[in-house]
Amino acid sequence: MSENFADRLIGAIEKKGSPICVGIDPIIASMPDAVFRGGREKADGGDPQAAIDAIFEFTTRVLKIVAPHVPCVKFQSAYFEQYHWEGVEAYYNLIQEAAELGLMVIGDVKRGDIGSTAAAYAAGHLAEPEMSASDEMATPDAITVNPMLGLDTLEPFVKTAGEFGKGLFVLVRTSNAGSAELQDVKLADGRTWSEMLAEKLATVAEGLVGGRGWSSLGAVVGATQTHTMISLRQRLPKSIFLLPGYGTQGATAEMTRHAFRDGLGALVSASRSILYAHKDAKIAAKYGTDWERCVEGAVIEMKQDLAGVLAS
């Protein structure tokens, strides 16, 4: 059996000195002109190959910039799947590129289904391919999963994750504006739906605890959801929290404080505020017009921001 995912992730966080996960959300309209070979007209005009080529160029350059500073990146699969099989191929190839740079990878796929279908999703996103199949393709170190169909739907993912030393991040309390309509609904006993889910997941998480005391079954908790952060941490004491929403969605380092325990236990995720930092007037004024310098500057500033909270 491979080394426990949580142990590997904590080791990577300590090595890089930051609990940052950079979200890879390649949006054609936001990407800098420099990554479009021969101009961006074809990609903007709907040429899928031109778009994929630009995404590959942009992503590989971002990965090289952030690799010295962060332990982890998160690929949003939808931005690749929209280009059908060629996009999916690029997704897996770029995961391999990230792995070769020493980055751990989360596949933001939000899969969730029943029985054999869930098992097939788990195999496609977590199981490692046979060496003979491809030496240029890797699967993520962890993926996001949706528990809405019931905890039995998580069983194939848990089984595959355990076999391959992979991790899972279960959607518990998301960062989108409409999430409260369902996730904050009060049950008869006074708990919210998310709190109930967290308690049930804690039992599953116990079976995946590594040597560092953290489980390979983590939770997605929006960094913007400060009203429930303490409650969910109490209910999931051994799960690493993946905290999306820093930066563009309005979350600050201070808002993540209660997700951590002794400086560990959470990954703070930022996507657009780093990838497209050159569009931020403050960042551009400080680091100039070079989009790559802006990406690096935004990562360093986020690292410093979080360090201040963790130190206190």
Protein backbone atom coordinates (compact mmCIF):
# COMPACT_ATOMS: atom_id res chain seq x y z
CA MET A 1 0.00 0.00 0.00
CA SER A 2 1.22 3.50 -0.85
CA GLU A 3 2.03 6.08 1.79
CA ASN A 4 -1.00 7.73 3.38
CA PHE A 5 -2.15 10.77 1.37
CA ALA A 6 -2.57 12.99 4.42
CA ASP A 7 0.98 12.22 5.57
CA ARG A 8 2.34 13.10 2.14
CA LEU A 9 0.32 16.31 1.98
CA ILE A 10 1.42 17.48 5.41
CA GLY A 11 5.02 16.75 4.49
CA ALA A 12 4.64 18.79 1.30
CA ILE A 13 3.07 21.70 3.21
CA GLU A 14 5.94 21.71 5.70
CA LYS A 15 8.53 21.52 2.93
CA LYS A 16 7.09 24.51 1.03
CA GLY A 17 6.23 26.43 4.20
CA SER A 18 2.71 27.25 3.06
CA PRO A 19 -0.75 25.62 3.11
CA ILE A 20 -1.66 26.97 -0.33
CA CYS A 21 -3.43 25.17 -3.15
CA VAL A 22 -3.42 27.01 -6.48
CA GLY A 23 -6.58 26.33 -8.45
CA ILE A 24 -5.97 25.70 -12.15
CA ASP A 25 -9.03 27.22 -13.83
CA PRO A 26 -7.88 28.05 -17.38
CA ILE A 27 -10.42 30.51 -18.80
CA ILE A 28 -9.59 31.49 -22.39
CA ALA A 29 -10.99 35.00 -22.08
CA SER A 30 -8.83 35.76 -19.03
CA MET A 31 -5.55 34.25 -20.17
CA PRO A 32 -2.74 36.61 -21.26
CA ASP A 33 -2.08 37.19 -24.96
CA ALA A 34 1.44 35.79 -24.62
CA VAL A 35 0.22 32.17 -24.37
CA PHE A 36 -1.61 32.24 -27.72
CA ARG A 37 0.85 31.25 -30.41
CA GLY A 38 0.08 33.26 -33.52
CA GLY A 39 -2.60 35.31 -31.74
CA ARG A 40 -5.71 34.49 -29.77
CA GLU A 41 -8.23 34.87 -32.61
CA LYS A 42 -8.53 31.14 -33.34
CA ALA A 43 -9.02 30.19 -29.70
CA ASP A 44 -11.53 33.01 -29.19
CA GLY A 45 -13.25 31.97 -32.40
CA GLY A 46 -13.97 28.44 -31.26
CA ASP A 47 -11.00 26.46 -32.61
CA PRO A 48 -10.68 23.74 -29.94
CA GLN A 49 -7.09 22.81 -30.77
CA ALA A 50 -5.95 26.43 -30.56
CA ALA A 51 -7.70 26.73 -27.20
CA ILE A 52 -6.14 23.52 -25.86
CA ASP A 53 -2.69 24.57 -27.05
CA ALA A 54 -3.05 27.89 -25.24
CA ILE A 55 -4.34 26.22 -22.08
CA PHE A 56 -1.41 23.80 -22.12
CA GLU A 57 1.09 26.62 -22.57
CA PHE A 58 -0.52 28.77 -19.88
CA THR A 59 -0.86 25.94 -17.36
CA THR A 60 2.68 24.60 -17.75
CA ARG A 61 4.09 28.09 -17.22
CA VAL A 62 1.90 28.64 -14.15
CA LEU A 63 2.97 25.29 -12.69
CA LYS A 64 6.66 26.18 -13.05
CA ILE A 65 6.09 29.55 -11.36
CA VAL A 66 4.15 28.25 -8.34
CA ALA A 67 6.04 24.97 -7.78
CA PRO A 68 8.75 26.51 -5.56
CA HIS A 69 6.16 28.18 -3.34
CA VAL A 70 3.17 25.87 -2.88
CA PRO A 71 2.65 22.17 -2.12
CA CYS A 72 -0.44 21.58 -4.19
CA VAL A 73 -2.50 22.55 -7.22
CA LYS A 74 -6.16 21.82 -7.97
CA PHE A 75 -7.26 21.17 -11.56
CA GLN A 76 -10.89 22.09 -12.30
CA SER A 77 -11.75 19.33 -14.77
CA ALA A 78 -14.67 21.20 -16.36
CA TYR A 79 -12.34 23.63 -18.12
CA PHE A 80 -10.73 20.64 -19.83
CA GLU A 81 -13.79 18.45 -20.37
CA GLN A 82 -15.50 21.18 -22.41
CA TYR A 83 -13.01 20.37 -25.19
CA HIS A 84 -14.02 16.69 -25.19
CA TRP A 85 -11.42 13.93 -25.56
CA GLU A 86 -8.57 16.27 -26.46
CA GLY A 87 -9.26 18.36 -23.38
CA VAL A 88 -9.40 15.30 -21.14
CA GLU A 89 -6.08 14.13 -22.57
CA ALA A 90 -4.58 17.55 -21.78
CA TYR A 91 -5.99 17.32 -18.23
CA TYR A 92 -4.20 14.05 -17.48
CA ASN A 93 -1.00 15.10 -19.23
CA LEU A 94 -0.86 18.33 -17.21
CA ILE A 95 -1.36 16.37 -14.00
CA GLN A 96 1.77 14.45 -14.98
CA GLU A 97 3.58 17.76 -15.63
CA ALA A 98 2.62 18.95 -12.13
CA ALA A 99 3.78 15.70 -10.55
CA GLU A 100 7.16 15.97 -12.27
CA LEU A 101 7.54 19.44 -10.71
CA GLY A 102 6.98 17.95 -7.26
CA LEU A 103 3.46 19.29 -6.87
CA MET A 104 0.64 17.28 -5.36
CA VAL A 105 -2.56 17.43 -7.40
CA ILE A 106 -6.23 17.55 -6.48
CA GLY A 107 -8.68 16.77 -9.28
CA ASP A 108 -11.71 18.99 -8.76
CA VAL A 109 -14.18 16.61 -10.39
CA LYS A 110 -17.03 16.56 -7.81
CA ARG A 111 -18.09 13.06 -8.79
CA GLY A 112 -20.83 11.19 -6.97
CA ASP A 113 -22.91 8.21 -8.08
CA ILE A 114 -24.10 4.79 -6.96
CA GLY A 115 -22.62 1.32 -6.99
CA SER A 116 -20.60 0.23 -9.99
CA THR A 117 -20.82 3.70 -11.55
CA ALA A 118 -19.09 5.23 -8.53
CA ALA A 119 -16.49 2.46 -8.71
CA ALA A 120 -15.84 3.34 -12.36
CA TYR A 121 -15.46 7.03 -11.52
CA ALA A 122 -13.03 6.10 -8.73
CA ALA A 123 -10.99 3.94 -11.11
CA GLY A 124 -10.86 6.69 -13.73
CA HIS A 125 -9.80 9.45 -11.37
CA LEU A 126 -7.81 7.74 -8.60
CA ALA A 127 -6.41 4.41 -9.77
CA GLU A 128 -2.98 4.59 -11.39
CA PRO A 129 -2.84 3.37 -15.01
CA GLU A 130 -0.72 0.38 -15.90
CA MET A 131 2.80 1.38 -16.92
CA SER A 132 2.23 -0.15 -20.35
CA ALA A 133 -0.78 2.08 -20.92
CA SER A 134 1.08 5.37 -20.75
CA ASP A 135 4.25 6.71 -19.22
CA GLU A 136 3.06 10.29 -19.67
CA MET A 137 -0.22 10.14 -17.78
CA ALA A 138 -0.95 10.29 -14.07
CA THR A 139 -4.11 10.51 -12.00
CA PRO A 140 -4.55 13.09 -9.20
CA ASP A 141 -3.36 12.52 -5.64
CA ALA A 142 -6.89 13.31 -4.48
CA ILE A 143 -10.27 14.29 -5.90
CA THR A 144 -13.37 16.12 -4.74
CA VAL A 145 -16.52 14.01 -4.32
CA ASN A 146 -20.20 14.82 -3.84
CA PRO A 147 -22.02 12.93 -1.05
CA MET A 148 -25.56 14.02 -1.91
CA LEU A 149 -26.71 10.54 -2.97
CA GLY A 150 -25.76 9.02 0.39
CA LEU A 151 -22.67 7.84 2.21
CA ASP A 152 -22.81 4.45 0.49
CA THR A 153 -21.83 6.25 -2.71
CA LEU A 154 -18.51 7.17 -1.10
CA GLU A 155 -17.55 3.56 -0.41
CA PRO A 156 -16.00 2.82 -3.86
CA PHE A 157 -14.01 6.06 -3.65
CA VAL A 158 -12.80 5.27 -0.14
CA LYS A 159 -11.80 1.76 -1.22
CA THR A 160 -9.84 2.94 -4.26
CA ALA A 161 -8.25 5.82 -2.36
CA GLY A 162 -7.06 3.40 0.30
CA GLU A 163 -5.61 0.98 -2.25
CA PHE A 164 -3.58 3.64 -4.05
CA GLY A 165 -2.68 5.96 -1.18
CA LYS A 166 -4.94 8.69 -2.55
CA GLY A 167 -7.17 11.25 -0.85
CA LEU A 168 -10.75 12.48 -1.00
CA PHE A 169 -12.25 15.89 -0.27
CA VAL A 170 -15.97 15.58 0.37
CA LEU A 171 -18.22 18.58 -0.29
CA VAL A 172 -19.47 19.60 3.17
CA ARG A 173 -20.08 23.38 3.13
CA THR A 174 -19.44 25.07 -0.19
CA SER A 175 -18.55 28.68 -0.91
CA ASN A 176 -21.22 29.57 -3.49
CA ALA A 177 -23.87 32.14 -2.59
CA GLY A 178 -26.81 29.73 -2.82
CA SER A 179 -25.29 26.98 -0.70
CA ALA A 180 -27.10 28.08 2.46
CA GLU A 181 -30.47 27.14 0.94
CA LEU A 182 -29.64 23.47 1.48
CA GLN A 183 -26.47 23.19 3.52
CA ASP A 184 -27.54 25.46 6.40
CA VAL A 185 -31.03 23.99 6.72
CA LYS A 186 -31.73 23.09 10.35
CA LEU A 187 -32.66 19.53 11.25
CA ALA A 188 -35.10 18.64 14.01
CA ASP A 189 -32.25 18.31 16.53
CA GLY A 190 -30.89 21.79 15.76
CA ARG A 191 -27.88 20.75 13.68
CA THR A 192 -27.50 22.00 10.14
CA TRP A 193 -27.39 19.55 7.25
CA SER A 194 -23.65 20.21 6.89
CA GLU A 195 -23.03 19.54 10.58
CA MET A 196 -24.92 16.26 10.35
CA LEU A 197 -22.88 15.26 7.29
CA ALA A 198 -19.64 16.19 9.05
CA GLU A 199 -20.44 13.93 12.00
CA LYS A 200 -21.18 10.99 9.71
CA LEU A 201 -17.99 11.59 7.72
CA ALA A 202 -15.89 11.65 10.90
CA THR A 203 -16.55 7.93 11.34
CA VAL A 204 -15.39 7.20 7.78
CA ALA A 205 -12.36 9.49 8.22
CA GLU A 206 -11.16 7.44 11.20
CA GLY A 207 -10.41 4.52 8.93
CA LEU A 208 -8.01 6.58 6.79
CA VAL A 209 -5.89 8.25 9.50
CA GLY A 210 -2.15 8.27 8.84
CA GLY A 211 0.89 8.48 11.04
CA ARG A 212 0.61 12.26 11.45
CA GLY A 213 -2.88 11.95 12.94
CA TRP A 214 -4.75 13.33 9.94
CA SER A 215 -7.13 11.46 7.67
CA SER A 216 -6.97 11.04 3.90
CA LEU A 217 -10.69 11.82 3.86
CA GLY A 218 -10.91 15.59 3.94
CA ALA A 219 -13.70 18.12 3.56
CA VAL A 220 -14.41 20.99 1.20
CA VAL A 221 -15.43 23.94 3.36
CA GLY A 222 -15.72 27.36 1.76
CA ALA A 223 -13.28 29.84 3.27
CA THR A 224 -16.12 32.36 3.19
CA GLN A 225 -18.22 30.27 5.60
CA THR A 226 -16.77 31.56 8.86
CA HIS A 227 -20.09 31.16 10.69
CA THR A 228 -19.75 27.38 10.64
CA MET A 229 -15.97 26.84 10.50
CA ILE A 230 -15.52 26.19 14.24
CA SER A 231 -18.49 23.83 14.36
CA LEU A 232 -17.29 21.77 11.40
CA ARG A 233 -13.73 21.59 12.72
CA GLN A 234 -15.06 20.22 16.02
CA ARG A 235 -17.05 17.58 14.16
CA LEU A 236 -14.23 16.65 11.78
CA PRO A 237 -11.15 16.85 14.03
CA LYS A 238 -8.94 14.64 11.83
CA SER A 239 -9.99 15.77 8.35
CA ILE A 240 -7.95 18.22 6.31
CA PHE A 241 -10.12 21.08 5.09
CA LEU A 242 -9.86 22.29 1.51
CA LEU A 243 -10.85 25.96 1.73
CA PRO A 244 -11.82 27.54 -1.62
CA GLY A 245 -12.78 31.19 -1.87
CA TYR A 246 -9.61 33.10 -0.94
CA GLY A 247 -9.09 36.24 -3.00
CA THR A 248 -11.62 36.78 -5.76
CA GLN A 249 -14.54 35.30 -3.81
CA GLY A 250 -13.76 37.56 -0.87
CA ALA A 251 -12.21 35.28 1.75
CA THR A 252 -9.19 36.54 3.69
CA ALA A 253 -6.46 34.72 5.58
CA GLU A 254 -8.10 35.69 8.87
CA MET A 255 -11.31 33.93 7.80
CA THR A 256 -9.45 30.61 7.58
CA ARG A 257 -7.98 30.73 11.09
CA HIS A 258 -10.37 28.28 12.77
CA ALA A 259 -9.84 25.59 10.14
CA PHE A 260 -6.28 25.05 11.37
CA ARG A 261 -5.08 23.13 14.41
CA ASP A 262 -1.52 23.84 15.52
CA GLY A 263 -0.82 25.27 12.09
CA LEU A 264 -2.00 22.17 10.21
CA GLY A 265 -5.19 20.67 8.89
CA ALA A 266 -6.17 22.96 6.01
CA LEU A 267 -5.33 23.91 2.44
CA VAL A 268 -6.36 27.40 1.36
CA SER A 269 -7.24 27.47 -2.31
CA ALA A 270 -7.04 30.46 -4.65
CA SER A 271 -7.57 30.38 -8.40
CA ARG A 272 -8.38 33.57 -10.32
CA SER A 273 -6.62 35.91 -7.88
CA ILE A 274 -3.36 34.11 -8.71
CA LEU A 275 -3.80 32.93 -12.31
CA TYR A 276 -5.02 36.29 -13.53
CA ALA A 277 -3.16 38.53 -11.10
CA HIS A 278 -2.02 40.68 -14.03
CA LYS A 279 -5.60 41.95 -14.25
CA ASP A 280 -5.48 43.25 -10.65
CA ALA A 281 -4.50 46.92 -10.73
CA LYS A 282 -2.72 46.74 -7.36
CA ILE A 283 -0.68 43.69 -8.32
CA ALA A 284 0.15 45.09 -11.76
CA ALA A 285 1.26 48.39 -10.24
CA LYS A 286 3.61 46.52 -7.93
CA TYR A 287 5.01 43.85 -10.25
CA GLY A 288 4.65 45.38 -13.71
CA THR A 289 3.00 44.18 -16.90
CA ASP A 290 4.68 40.75 -17.07
CA TRP A 291 1.86 38.30 -16.25
CA GLU A 292 4.27 35.67 -14.91
CA ARG A 293 5.81 38.10 -12.43
CA CYS A 294 2.29 39.00 -11.31
CA VAL A 295 1.45 35.32 -10.72
CA GLU A 296 4.55 34.83 -8.61
CA GLY A 297 3.95 38.08 -6.72
CA ALA A 298 0.37 37.10 -5.91
CA VAL A 299 1.49 33.69 -4.61
CA ILE A 300 4.19 35.21 -2.43
CA GLU A 301 1.78 37.77 -0.99
CA MET A 302 -0.79 35.06 -0.22
CA LYS A 303 1.93 33.00 1.46
CA GLN A 304 2.89 35.95 3.64
CA ASP A 305 -0.74 36.71 4.42
CA LEU A 306 -1.40 33.18 5.68
CA ALA A 307 1.91 33.03 7.55
CA GLY A 308 0.80 36.00 9.63
CA VAL A 309 -2.39 34.24 10.70
CA LEU A 310 -0.73 30.91 11.42
CA ALA A 311 2.05 32.53 13.42
CA SER A 312 -0.46 34.21 15.72
